[in-house]
Amino acid sequence: MSKKSIFLIVIAALVLIFLVVAKPFYILHEGEQAVITQFGKIVDVQKTPGFKVKTPFIDNVTIYSSKILSWDGDAQRIPTKENQFIYVDPTSRWVISDPALFYETVNDVETAQLRLDDILDSTVRTVISENYLNEAVRSTNRINGISVVEEVSNLENLEDAERLRSLTVSEVQQESIKVGRAGLSAKMLEIASSYTQKYGITLVDIIIRQIRYSDDLTESVYQRMIKERNQIAEAYRSYGRGQQAQWEGKTENERMAILSEAYAEAEKIKGVADAEATRIYAEAYGEDPEFFELWRTLDSYRKTIPGMEKVLTTDLSYFDLMY
């Protein structure tokens, strides 16, 4: 191998070692931005993706995301203006809008998340505690135009169904809201943005992801719901008692009518039977008066004597046939 070839190989090896050790190039991907510093001083900011060149051993490249990032706070137990405790679970989206300022103030995303924890948690607590519960849980006043009507079925006529429906209708007038949940989120965003801008952070939004009642407030809500359902149940019971009285009266009238008809029919049958018995007795008496008298007397003895506890005298003509 010639001296010239050896020289070229050595030069190539040195260049390769230089590229590996010095790293004069870096790639900025889509959705990334970079802050270039020299000995801690910011000398350049790169926001466009592509193949970039830096000064070896002097330039330090810090890459940040230029995408929308998320912040998820912990659910906080916060009192509302009327001192009702609720658990508020917020979330937020944010971007690094000024990477140079971001580098100077917080330097990395982990530290930024800690700063956002302080700012957003405090902002959420402040805004919630300054407003009433209705403002936090509702965004419109549409609930005030809703009438809850119970579904009524299996009734004999439309009049009864309409009457029962009127007893069970529930119209609850809620307090009108002025700001609402969306308005509170906008107010939180306005307050928090005034603090995050100095860190090179721009908040996209703050959203109340979930609101959960505390145990004592949940119990009061359940009691109100139970009271409303008990009122509806009492309406059904009242209607049922009225129907029961109506049917009992109707049944009693029908029973009396049936008994009256039955009594008249029974008396009619008795009258016919008595007439027939009288006719038979008359015919029998006409055939043999003495035997008829004997038969009637013995039949009377059979019915009356077993019930006599004592007889003081038998001189009565009633006992003549016994002697």
C-alpha atoms as a PDB file:
ATOM      1  CA  MET A   1       0.000   0.000   0.000  1.00  0.00           C
ATOM      2  CA  SER A   2       1.380   3.392  -0.969  1.00  0.00           C
ATOM      3  CA  LYS A   3       2.056   6.239   1.425  1.00  0.00           C
ATOM      4  CA  LYS A   4      -0.662   8.304  -0.258  1.00  0.00           C
ATOM      5  CA  SER A   5      -3.306   5.661   0.399  1.00  0.00           C
ATOM      6  CA  ILE A   6      -2.276   5.349   4.035  1.00  0.00           C
ATOM      7  CA  PHE A   7      -2.483   9.142   4.395  1.00  0.00           C
ATOM      8  CA  LEU A   8      -6.022   9.237   2.962  1.00  0.00           C
ATOM      9  CA  ILE A   9      -7.158   6.457   5.274  1.00  0.00           C
ATOM     10  CA  VAL A  10      -5.771   8.276   8.293  1.00  0.00           C
ATOM     11  CA  ILE A  11      -7.466  11.531   7.225  1.00  0.00           C
ATOM     12  CA  ALA A  12     -10.797   9.721   6.740  1.00  0.00           C
ATOM     13  CA  ALA A  13     -10.472   8.087  10.153  1.00  0.00           C
ATOM     14  CA  LEU A  14      -9.755  11.412  11.803  1.00  0.00           C
ATOM     15  CA  VAL A  15     -12.784  13.022  10.112  1.00  0.00           C
ATOM     16  CA  LEU A  16     -14.975  10.141  11.230  1.00  0.00           C
ATOM     17  CA  ILE A  17     -13.706  10.402  14.793  1.00  0.00           C
ATOM     18  CA  PHE A  18     -14.331  14.127  14.693  1.00  0.00           C
ATOM     19  CA  LEU A  19     -17.917  13.662  13.508  1.00  0.00           C
ATOM     20  CA  VAL A  20     -18.583  11.055  16.180  1.00  0.00           C
ATOM     21  CA  VAL A  21     -17.031  13.016  19.015  1.00  0.00           C
ATOM     22  CA  ALA A  22     -17.886  16.611  18.065  1.00  0.00           C
ATOM     23  CA  LYS A  23     -21.375  15.976  16.641  1.00  0.00           C
ATOM     24  CA  PRO A  24     -21.554  19.159  14.561  1.00  0.00           C
ATOM     25  CA  PHE A  25     -24.963  18.182  13.123  1.00  0.00           C
ATOM     26  CA  TYR A  26     -28.385  17.561  14.648  1.00  0.00           C
ATOM     27  CA  ILE A  27     -31.854  16.883  13.278  1.00  0.00           C
ATOM     28  CA  LEU A  28     -34.933  18.842  14.352  1.00  0.00           C
ATOM     29  CA  HIS A  29     -38.043  16.734  13.779  1.00  0.00           C
ATOM     30  CA  GLU A  30     -41.548  17.892  13.050  1.00  0.00           C
ATOM     31  CA  GLY A  31     -43.200  19.058  16.303  1.00  0.00           C
ATOM     32  CA  GLU A  32     -39.887  20.072  17.896  1.00  0.00           C
ATOM     33  CA  GLN A  33     -38.091  23.351  18.580  1.00  0.00           C
ATOM     34  CA  ALA A  34     -34.615  23.991  19.875  1.00  0.00           C
ATOM     35  CA  VAL A  35     -32.731  26.528  21.963  1.00  0.00           C
ATOM     36  CA  ILE A  36     -29.011  26.871  21.159  1.00  0.00           C
ATOM     37  CA  THR A  37     -26.782  28.169  23.915  1.00  0.00           C
ATOM     38  CA  GLN A  38     -23.093  28.935  24.211  1.00  0.00           C
ATOM     39  CA  PHE A  39     -21.736  28.622  27.716  1.00  0.00           C
ATOM     40  CA  GLY A  40     -25.280  29.102  29.108  1.00  0.00           C
ATOM     41  CA  LYS A  41     -26.136  32.103  26.946  1.00  0.00           C
ATOM     42  CA  ILE A  42     -28.913  31.778  24.374  1.00  0.00           C
ATOM     43  CA  VAL A  43     -27.581  32.505  20.903  1.00  0.00           C
ATOM     44  CA  ASP A  44     -30.325  31.069  18.667  1.00  0.00           C
ATOM     45  CA  VAL A  45     -33.797  29.515  18.590  1.00  0.00           C
ATOM     46  CA  GLN A  46     -34.778  27.011  15.892  1.00  0.00           C
ATOM     47  CA  LYS A  47     -38.457  26.263  15.228  1.00  0.00           C
ATOM     48  CA  THR A  48     -38.366  24.801  11.704  1.00  0.00           C
ATOM     49  CA  PRO A  49     -37.671  21.076  11.257  1.00  0.00           C
ATOM     50  CA  GLY A  50     -34.684  19.854   9.244  1.00  0.00           C
ATOM     51  CA  PHE A  51     -30.959  19.075   9.265  1.00  0.00           C
ATOM     52  CA  LYS A  52     -29.132  21.613  11.417  1.00  0.00           C
ATOM     53  CA  VAL A  53     -25.483  22.529  11.995  1.00  0.00           C
ATOM     54  CA  LYS A  54     -23.974  23.628  15.296  1.00  0.00           C
ATOM     55  CA  THR A  55     -20.541  24.717  16.447  1.00  0.00           C
ATOM     56  CA  PRO A  56     -18.804  21.660  17.894  1.00  0.00           C
ATOM     57  CA  PHE A  57     -17.874  21.705  21.566  1.00  0.00           C
ATOM     58  CA  ILE A  58     -19.364  25.202  21.952  1.00  0.00           C
ATOM     59  CA  ASP A  59     -23.048  25.089  21.044  1.00  0.00           C
ATOM     60  CA  ASN A  60     -25.431  23.224  23.322  1.00  0.00           C
ATOM     61  CA  VAL A  61     -28.793  22.267  21.809  1.00  0.00           C
ATOM     62  CA  THR A  62     -31.863  21.862  24.070  1.00  0.00           C
ATOM     63  CA  ILE A  63     -34.881  20.449  22.260  1.00  0.00           C
ATOM     64  CA  TYR A  64     -38.456  21.058  23.375  1.00  0.00           C
ATOM     65  CA  SER A  65     -41.753  19.869  21.988  1.00  0.00           C
ATOM     66  CA  SER A  66     -43.780  22.398  20.039  1.00  0.00           C
ATOM     67  CA  LYS A  67     -46.902  20.226  20.245  1.00  0.00           C
ATOM     68  CA  ILE A  68     -49.815  20.751  22.587  1.00  0.00           C
ATOM     69  CA  LEU A  69     -49.015  19.209  25.973  1.00  0.00           C
ATOM     70  CA  SER A  70     -51.431  18.150  28.679  1.00  0.00           C
ATOM     71  CA  TRP A  71     -51.680  18.866  32.364  1.00  0.00           C
ATOM     72  CA  ASP A  72     -53.853  16.718  34.615  1.00  0.00           C
ATOM     73  CA  GLY A  73     -54.522  17.995  38.085  1.00  0.00           C
ATOM     74  CA  ASP A  74     -55.580  16.030  41.133  1.00  0.00           C
ATOM     75  CA  ALA A  75     -59.189  16.213  42.295  1.00  0.00           C
ATOM     76  CA  GLN A  76     -59.469  18.901  44.979  1.00  0.00           C
ATOM     77  CA  ARG A  77     -62.089  19.217  47.712  1.00  0.00           C
ATOM     78  CA  ILE A  78     -63.155  22.846  47.356  1.00  0.00           C
ATOM     79  CA  PRO A  79     -65.936  24.820  49.106  1.00  0.00           C
ATOM     80  CA  THR A  80     -68.297  26.823  46.896  1.00  0.00           C
ATOM     81  CA  LYS A  81     -69.562  30.284  47.744  1.00  0.00           C
ATOM     82  CA  GLU A  82     -72.463  28.829  49.777  1.00  0.00           C
ATOM     83  CA  ASN A  83     -69.923  26.579  51.585  1.00  0.00           C
ATOM     84  CA  GLN A  84     -70.946  23.361  49.813  1.00  0.00           C
ATOM     85  CA  PHE A  85     -67.928  21.072  49.373  1.00  0.00           C
ATOM     86  CA  ILE A  86     -67.312  19.471  45.973  1.00  0.00           C
ATOM     87  CA  TYR A  87     -64.445  17.556  44.397  1.00  0.00           C
ATOM     88  CA  VAL A  88     -63.187  19.306  41.244  1.00  0.00           C
ATOM     89  CA  ASP A  89     -61.010  17.395  38.765  1.00  0.00           C
ATOM     90  CA  PRO A  90     -59.477  19.832  36.215  1.00  0.00           C
ATOM     91  CA  THR A  91     -57.334  19.299  33.129  1.00  0.00           C
ATOM     92  CA  SER A  92     -55.520  21.707  30.817  1.00  0.00           C
ATOM     93  CA  ARG A  93     -53.637  21.901  27.524  1.00  0.00           C
ATOM     94  CA  TRP A  94     -50.584  24.071  27.029  1.00  0.00           C
ATOM     95  CA  VAL A  95     -47.738  24.782  24.605  1.00  0.00           C
ATOM     96  CA  ILE A  96     -44.218  26.146  24.885  1.00  0.00           C
ATOM     97  CA  SER A  97     -44.794  29.351  22.941  1.00  0.00           C
ATOM     98  CA  ASP A  98     -41.495  31.071  23.793  1.00  0.00           C
ATOM     99  CA  PRO A  99     -38.739  28.419  24.053  1.00  0.00           C
ATOM    100  CA  ALA A 100     -36.059  30.979  24.974  1.00  0.00           C
ATOM    101  CA  LEU A 101     -38.065  32.329  27.905  1.00  0.00           C
ATOM    102  CA  PHE A 102     -39.037  28.790  28.832  1.00  0.00           C
ATOM    103  CA  TYR A 103     -35.356  27.788  28.922  1.00  0.00           C
ATOM    104  CA  GLU A 104     -34.445  30.764  31.107  1.00  0.00           C
ATOM    105  CA  THR A 105     -37.243  30.336  33.639  1.00  0.00           C
ATOM    106  CA  VAL A 106     -38.101  26.642  34.020  1.00  0.00           C
ATOM    107  CA  ASN A 107     -35.562  24.928  31.725  1.00  0.00           C
ATOM    108  CA  ASP A 108     -37.393  21.576  31.411  1.00  0.00           C
ATOM    109  CA  VAL A 109     -40.910  20.146  31.099  1.00  0.00           C
ATOM    110  CA  GLU A 110     -40.861  18.428  34.512  1.00  0.00           C
ATOM    111  CA  THR A 111     -40.213  21.734  36.262  1.00  0.00           C
ATOM    112  CA  ALA A 112     -42.889  23.378  34.092  1.00  0.00           C
ATOM    113  CA  GLN A 113     -45.415  20.762  35.229  1.00  0.00           C
ATOM    114  CA  LEU A 114     -44.618  21.608  38.854  1.00  0.00           C
ATOM    115  CA  ARG A 115     -45.132  25.318  38.173  1.00  0.00           C
ATOM    116  CA  LEU A 116     -48.423  24.547  36.444  1.00  0.00           C
ATOM    117  CA  ASP A 117     -49.504  22.480  39.450  1.00  0.00           C
ATOM    118  CA  ASP A 118     -49.091  25.520  41.687  1.00  0.00           C
ATOM    119  CA  ILE A 119     -50.688  28.008  39.291  1.00  0.00           C
ATOM    120  CA  LEU A 120     -53.644  25.953  38.047  1.00  0.00           C
ATOM    121  CA  ASP A 121     -54.549  24.318  41.361  1.00  0.00           C
ATOM    122  CA  SER A 122     -54.600  27.738  43.022  1.00  0.00           C
ATOM    123  CA  THR A 123     -56.598  29.277  40.164  1.00  0.00           C
ATOM    124  CA  VAL A 124     -59.209  26.496  40.166  1.00  0.00           C
ATOM    125  CA  ARG A 125     -59.652  26.764  43.937  1.00  0.00           C
ATOM    126  CA  THR A 126     -59.996  30.544  43.788  1.00  0.00           C
ATOM    127  CA  VAL A 127     -62.581  30.602  40.992  1.00  0.00           C
ATOM    128  CA  ILE A 128     -64.704  27.755  42.405  1.00  0.00           C
ATOM    129  CA  SER A 129     -64.787  29.223  45.920  1.00  0.00           C
ATOM    130  CA  GLU A 130     -65.953  32.599  44.541  1.00  0.00           C
ATOM    131  CA  ASN A 131     -69.009  31.128  42.775  1.00  0.00           C
ATOM    132  CA  TYR A 132     -72.128  29.196  43.729  1.00  0.00           C
ATOM    133  CA  LEU A 133     -72.556  25.461  43.203  1.00  0.00           C
ATOM    134  CA  ASN A 134     -75.015  25.897  40.315  1.00  0.00           C
ATOM    135  CA  GLU A 135     -72.439  27.862  38.365  1.00  0.00           C
ATOM    136  CA  ALA A 136     -69.953  24.988  38.623  1.00  0.00           C
ATOM    137  CA  VAL A 137     -72.276  22.124  37.655  1.00  0.00           C
ATOM    138  CA  ARG A 138     -74.371  23.774  34.925  1.00  0.00           C
ATOM    139  CA  SER A 139     -73.650  25.667  31.717  1.00  0.00           C
ATOM    140  CA  THR A 140     -77.186  26.704  30.683  1.00  0.00           C
ATOM    141  CA  ASN A 141     -80.616  27.474  32.164  1.00  0.00           C
ATOM    142  CA  ARG A 142     -82.434  24.930  29.991  1.00  0.00           C
ATOM    143  CA  ILE A 143     -83.314  22.857  33.057  1.00  0.00           C
ATOM    144  CA  ASN A 144     -85.772  25.577  34.121  1.00  0.00           C
ATOM    145  CA  GLY A 145     -87.870  24.897  31.014  1.00  0.00           C
ATOM    146  CA  ILE A 146     -88.146  21.157  31.636  1.00  0.00           C
ATOM    147  CA  SER A 147     -91.265  19.634  33.196  1.00  0.00           C
ATOM    148  CA  VAL A 148     -91.002  16.010  34.293  1.00  0.00           C
ATOM    149  CA  VAL A 149     -94.272  14.150  33.652  1.00  0.00           C
ATOM    150  CA  GLU A 150     -94.691  10.600  34.890  1.00  0.00           C
ATOM    151  CA  GLU A 151     -95.691   7.995  32.322  1.00  0.00           C
ATOM    152  CA  VAL A 152     -99.216   6.817  33.217  1.00  0.00           C
ATOM    153  CA  SER A 153    -100.667   3.627  31.763  1.00  0.00           C
ATOM    154  CA  ASN A 154    -103.136   0.792  32.464  1.00  0.00           C
ATOM    155  CA  LEU A 155    -106.009   3.110  33.394  1.00  0.00           C
ATOM    156  CA  GLU A 156    -109.619   2.687  32.370  1.00  0.00           C
ATOM    157  CA  ASN A 157    -110.128   6.073  30.783  1.00  0.00           C
ATOM    158  CA  LEU A 158    -108.228   9.126  29.664  1.00  0.00           C
ATOM    159  CA  GLU A 159    -109.810  11.314  32.338  1.00  0.00           C
ATOM    160  CA  ASP A 160    -108.292   9.225  35.146  1.00  0.00           C
ATOM    161  CA  ALA A 161    -104.941   9.147  33.366  1.00  0.00           C
ATOM    162  CA  GLU A 162    -104.920  12.935  33.000  1.00  0.00           C
ATOM    163  CA  ARG A 163    -105.929  13.434  36.629  1.00  0.00           C
ATOM    164  CA  LEU A 164    -103.154  11.138  37.865  1.00  0.00           C
ATOM    165  CA  ARG A 165    -100.658  12.804  35.535  1.00  0.00           C
ATOM    166  CA  SER A 166    -101.541  16.197  36.987  1.00  0.00           C
ATOM    167  CA  LEU A 167    -100.884  14.842  40.484  1.00  0.00           C
ATOM    168  CA  THR A 168     -97.450  13.502  39.591  1.00  0.00           C
ATOM    169  CA  VAL A 169     -96.147  16.371  37.457  1.00  0.00           C
ATOM    170  CA  SER A 170     -92.909  17.779  38.891  1.00  0.00           C
ATOM    171  CA  GLU A 171     -91.866  21.328  38.101  1.00  0.00           C
ATOM    172  CA  VAL A 172     -88.742  22.328  39.994  1.00  0.00           C
ATOM    173  CA  GLN A 173     -87.521  25.866  39.398  1.00  0.00           C
ATOM    174  CA  GLN A 174     -83.745  25.971  39.704  1.00  0.00           C
ATOM    175  CA  GLU A 175     -81.784  29.124  40.320  1.00  0.00           C
ATOM    176  CA  SER A 176     -80.699  30.791  37.096  1.00  0.00           C
ATOM    177  CA  ILE A 177     -76.981  30.823  36.426  1.00  0.00           C
ATOM    178  CA  LYS A 178     -75.035  33.821  35.147  1.00  0.00           C
ATOM    179  CA  VAL A 179     -71.612  32.351  34.354  1.00  0.00           C
ATOM    180  CA  GLY A 180     -71.877  28.572  34.160  1.00  0.00           C
ATOM    181  CA  ARG A 181     -69.179  25.934  34.006  1.00  0.00           C
ATOM    182  CA  ALA A 182     -67.892  27.102  30.602  1.00  0.00           C
ATOM    183  CA  GLY A 183     -67.671  30.655  31.926  1.00  0.00           C
ATOM    184  CA  LEU A 184     -65.747  29.497  34.980  1.00  0.00           C
ATOM    185  CA  SER A 185     -63.295  27.638  32.736  1.00  0.00           C
ATOM    186  CA  ALA A 186     -62.791  30.798  30.673  1.00  0.00           C
ATOM    187  CA  LYS A 187     -62.183  32.819  33.842  1.00  0.00           C
ATOM    188  CA  MET A 188     -59.663  30.245  35.082  1.00  0.00           C
ATOM    189  CA  LEU A 189     -57.857  30.432  31.733  1.00  0.00           C
ATOM    190  CA  GLU A 190     -57.699  34.229  31.897  1.00  0.00           C
ATOM    191  CA  ILE A 191     -56.296  34.288  35.429  1.00  0.00           C
ATOM    192  CA  ALA A 192     -53.804  31.454  34.959  1.00  0.00           C
ATOM    193  CA  SER A 193     -52.531  32.789  31.610  1.00  0.00           C
ATOM    194  CA  SER A 194     -51.366  35.983  33.245  1.00  0.00           C
ATOM    195  CA  TYR A 195     -48.956  33.858  35.343  1.00  0.00           C
ATOM    196  CA  THR A 196     -47.848  31.292  32.743  1.00  0.00           C
ATOM    197  CA  GLN A 197     -46.843  33.828  30.077  1.00  0.00           C
ATOM    198  CA  LYS A 198     -43.759  34.813  32.060  1.00  0.00           C
ATOM    199  CA  TYR A 199     -42.553  31.224  31.754  1.00  0.00           C
ATOM    200  CA  GLY A 200     -42.947  31.135  27.970  1.00  0.00           C
ATOM    201  CA  ILE A 201     -46.058  28.936  28.355  1.00  0.00           C
ATOM    202  CA  THR A 202     -49.375  29.601  26.622  1.00  0.00           C
ATOM    203  CA  LEU A 203     -52.433  27.850  27.981  1.00  0.00           C
ATOM    204  CA  VAL A 204     -54.838  26.543  25.339  1.00  0.00           C
ATOM    205  CA  ASP A 205     -57.689  25.855  27.750  1.00  0.00           C
ATOM    206  CA  ILE A 206     -58.648  24.768  31.262  1.00  0.00           C
ATOM    207  CA  ILE A 207     -61.480  22.290  31.490  1.00  0.00           C
ATOM    208  CA  ILE A 208     -63.353  21.025  34.539  1.00  0.00           C
ATOM    209  CA  ARG A 209     -63.255  17.361  33.641  1.00  0.00           C
ATOM    210  CA  GLN A 210     -65.402  16.128  36.503  1.00  0.00           C
ATOM    211  CA  ILE A 211     -67.252  17.468  39.529  1.00  0.00           C
ATOM    212  CA  ARG A 212     -68.169  15.067  42.310  1.00  0.00           C
ATOM    213  CA  TYR A 213     -70.254  15.925  45.342  1.00  0.00           C
ATOM    214  CA  SER A 214     -68.814  15.354  48.786  1.00  0.00           C
ATOM    215  CA  ASP A 215     -70.498  12.766  50.999  1.00  0.00           C
ATOM    216  CA  ASP A 216     -72.574  15.274  52.986  1.00  0.00           C
ATOM    217  CA  LEU A 217     -73.748  17.047  49.836  1.00  0.00           C
ATOM    218  CA  THR A 218     -74.503  13.726  48.136  1.00  0.00           C
ATOM    219  CA  GLU A 219     -76.673  12.732  51.086  1.00  0.00           C
ATOM    220  CA  SER A 220     -78.695  15.966  50.865  1.00  0.00           C
ATOM    221  CA  VAL A 221     -79.209  15.421  47.124  1.00  0.00           C
ATOM    222  CA  TYR A 222     -80.395  11.860  47.769  1.00  0.00           C
ATOM    223  CA  GLN A 223     -82.795  13.075  50.452  1.00  0.00           C
ATOM    224  CA  ARG A 224     -84.277  15.637  48.061  1.00  0.00           C
ATOM    225  CA  MET A 225     -84.691  12.959  45.392  1.00  0.00           C
ATOM    226  CA  ILE A 226     -86.328  10.624  47.922  1.00  0.00           C
ATOM    227  CA  LYS A 227     -88.725  13.403  48.966  1.00  0.00           C
ATOM    228  CA  GLU A 228     -89.749  14.032  45.346  1.00  0.00           C
ATOM    229  CA  ARG A 229     -90.318  10.321  44.705  1.00  0.00           C
ATOM    230  CA  ASN A 230     -92.299  10.010  47.956  1.00  0.00           C
ATOM    231  CA  GLN A 231     -94.572  12.845  46.813  1.00  0.00           C
ATOM    232  CA  ILE A 232     -95.229  11.031  43.547  1.00  0.00           C
ATOM    233  CA  ALA A 233     -95.770   7.751  45.409  1.00  0.00           C
ATOM    234  CA  GLU A 234     -98.263   9.465  47.723  1.00  0.00           C
ATOM    235  CA  ALA A 235    -100.125  10.774  44.657  1.00  0.00           C
ATOM    236  CA  TYR A 236    -100.415   7.214  43.368  1.00  0.00           C
ATOM    237  CA  ARG A 237    -101.565   5.993  46.785  1.00  0.00           C
ATOM    238  CA  SER A 238    -104.155   8.766  47.000  1.00  0.00           C
ATOM    239  CA  TYR A 239    -105.447   7.881  43.562  1.00  0.00           C
ATOM    240  CA  GLY A 240    -105.494   4.200  44.541  1.00  0.00           C
ATOM    241  CA  ARG A 241    -107.466   4.892  47.723  1.00  0.00           C
ATOM    242  CA  GLY A 242    -110.001   6.866  45.718  1.00  0.00           C
ATOM    243  CA  GLN A 243    -110.320   4.024  43.225  1.00  0.00           C
ATOM    244  CA  GLN A 244    -110.642   1.535  46.098  1.00  0.00           C
ATOM    245  CA  ALA A 245    -113.467   3.525  47.710  1.00  0.00           C
ATOM    246  CA  GLN A 246    -115.192   3.857  44.346  1.00  0.00           C
ATOM    247  CA  TRP A 247    -115.002   0.140  43.636  1.00  0.00           C
ATOM    248  CA  GLU A 248    -116.036  -0.799  47.189  1.00  0.00           C
ATOM    249  CA  GLY A 249    -119.109   1.421  46.890  1.00  0.00           C
ATOM    250  CA  LYS A 250    -119.919  -0.032  43.491  1.00  0.00           C
ATOM    251  CA  THR A 251    -119.434  -3.583  44.800  1.00  0.00           C
ATOM    252  CA  GLU A 252    -121.611  -2.909  47.872  1.00  0.00           C
ATOM    253  CA  ASN A 253    -124.409  -1.520  45.690  1.00  0.00           C
ATOM    254  CA  GLU A 254    -124.231  -4.563  43.445  1.00  0.00           C
ATOM    255  CA  ARG A 255    -124.253  -6.863  46.499  1.00  0.00           C
ATOM    256  CA  MET A 256    -127.328  -5.157  47.954  1.00  0.00           C
ATOM    257  CA  ALA A 257    -129.069  -5.329  44.594  1.00  0.00           C
ATOM    258  CA  ILE A 258    -128.307  -9.062  44.281  1.00  0.00           C
ATOM    259  CA  LEU A 259    -129.459  -9.744  47.874  1.00  0.00           C
ATOM    260  CA  SER A 260    -132.646  -7.756  47.313  1.00  0.00           C
ATOM    261  CA  GLU A 261    -133.454  -9.669  44.161  1.00  0.00           C
ATOM    262  CA  ALA A 262    -132.579 -12.953  45.882  1.00  0.00           C
ATOM    263  CA  TYR A 263    -134.781 -12.114  48.897  1.00  0.00           C
ATOM    264  CA  ALA A 264    -137.718 -11.242  46.649  1.00  0.00           C
ATOM    265  CA  GLU A 265    -137.252 -14.458  44.699  1.00  0.00           C
ATOM    266  CA  ALA A 266    -136.936 -16.461  47.957  1.00  0.00           C
ATOM    267  CA  GLU A 267    -140.126 -14.934  49.371  1.00  0.00           C
ATOM    268  CA  LYS A 268    -141.909 -15.708  46.132  1.00  0.00           C
ATOM    269  CA  ILE A 269    -140.757 -19.333  46.271  1.00  0.00           C
ATOM    270  CA  LYS A 270    -141.716 -19.560  49.958  1.00  0.00           C
ATOM    271  CA  GLY A 271    -145.165 -18.227  49.182  1.00  0.00           C
ATOM    272  CA  VAL A 272    -145.685 -20.790  46.437  1.00  0.00           C
ATOM    273  CA  ALA A 273    -144.355 -23.567  48.721  1.00  0.00           C
ATOM    274  CA  ASP A 274    -146.573 -22.518  51.646  1.00  0.00           C
ATOM    275  CA  ALA A 275    -149.606 -22.486  49.368  1.00  0.00           C
ATOM    276  CA  GLU A 276    -148.692 -25.921  48.074  1.00  0.00           C
ATOM    277  CA  ALA A 277    -148.155 -27.221  51.626  1.00  0.00           C
ATOM    278  CA  THR A 278    -151.484 -25.816  52.757  1.00  0.00           C
ATOM    279  CA  ARG A 279    -153.180 -27.482  49.821  1.00  0.00           C
ATOM    280  CA  ILE A 280    -151.539 -30.834  50.624  1.00  0.00           C
ATOM    281  CA  TYR A 281    -152.414 -30.523  54.309  1.00  0.00           C
ATOM    282  CA  ALA A 282    -156.017 -29.701  53.420  1.00  0.00           C
ATOM    283  CA  GLU A 283    -156.256 -32.723  51.124  1.00  0.00           C
ATOM    284  CA  ALA A 284    -154.677 -34.999  53.748  1.00  0.00           C
ATOM    285  CA  TYR A 285    -156.999 -33.684  56.450  1.00  0.00           C
ATOM    286  CA  GLY A 286    -159.957 -34.291  54.214  1.00  0.00           C
ATOM    287  CA  GLU A 287    -158.940 -37.907  53.585  1.00  0.00           C
ATOM    288  CA  ASP A 288    -158.614 -38.914  57.309  1.00  0.00           C
ATOM    289  CA  PRO A 289    -159.033 -36.159  59.884  1.00  0.00           C
ATOM    290  CA  GLU A 290    -158.192 -38.402  62.872  1.00  0.00           C
ATOM    291  CA  PHE A 291    -154.946 -39.720  61.332  1.00  0.00           C
ATOM    292  CA  PHE A 292    -153.982 -36.214  60.273  1.00  0.00           C
ATOM    293  CA  GLU A 293    -154.468 -34.960  63.816  1.00  0.00           C
ATOM    294  CA  LEU A 294    -152.442 -37.897  65.184  1.00  0.00           C
ATOM    295  CA  TRP A 295    -149.616 -37.313  62.719  1.00  0.00           C
ATOM    296  CA  ARG A 296    -149.477 -33.608  63.400  1.00  0.00           C
ATOM    297  CA  THR A 297    -149.472 -34.136  67.171  1.00  0.00           C
ATOM    298  CA  LEU A 298    -146.715 -36.782  67.076  1.00  0.00           C
ATOM    299  CA  ASP A 299    -144.637 -34.522  64.865  1.00  0.00           C
ATOM    300  CA  SER A 300    -145.118 -31.718  67.403  1.00  0.00           C
ATOM    301  CA  TYR A 301    -144.076 -34.074  70.242  1.00  0.00           C
ATOM    302  CA  ARG A 302    -140.918 -35.011  68.348  1.00  0.00           C
ATOM    303  CA  LYS A 303    -139.958 -31.363  68.051  1.00  0.00           C
ATOM    304  CA  THR A 304    -140.919 -30.028  71.488  1.00  0.00           C
ATOM    305  CA  ILE A 305    -140.586 -32.782  74.106  1.00  0.00           C
ATOM    306  CA  PRO A 306    -136.768 -33.286  73.759  1.00  0.00           C
ATOM    307  CA  GLY A 307    -136.345 -29.634  74.738  1.00  0.00           C
ATOM    308  CA  MET A 308    -138.476 -29.837  77.916  1.00  0.00           C
ATOM    309  CA  GLU A 309    -136.367 -29.974  81.100  1.00  0.00           C
ATOM    310  CA  LYS A 310    -139.371 -30.525  83.408  1.00  0.00           C
ATOM    311  CA  VAL A 311    -143.137 -30.882  83.120  1.00  0.00           C
ATOM    312  CA  LEU A 312    -145.228 -29.735  86.084  1.00  0.00           C
ATOM    313  CA  THR A 313    -148.502 -31.218  84.904  1.00  0.00           C
ATOM    314  CA  THR A 314    -149.822 -33.395  82.045  1.00  0.00           C
ATOM    315  CA  ASP A 315    -153.438 -32.312  82.439  1.00  0.00           C
ATOM    316  CA  LEU A 316    -153.157 -30.161  79.355  1.00  0.00           C
ATOM    317  CA  SER A 317    -155.088 -31.286  76.326  1.00  0.00           C
ATOM    318  CA  TYR A 318    -151.770 -31.181  74.437  1.00  0.00           C
ATOM    319  CA  PHE A 319    -150.753 -34.470  76.141  1.00  0.00           C
ATOM    320  CA  ASP A 320    -154.055 -36.324  75.616  1.00  0.00           C
ATOM    321  CA  LEU A 321    -152.626 -38.563  72.866  1.00  0.00           C
ATOM    322  CA  MET A 322    -149.897 -39.792  75.228  1.00  0.00           C
ATOM    323  CA  TYR A 323    -152.473 -41.449  77.481  1.00  0.00           C
END
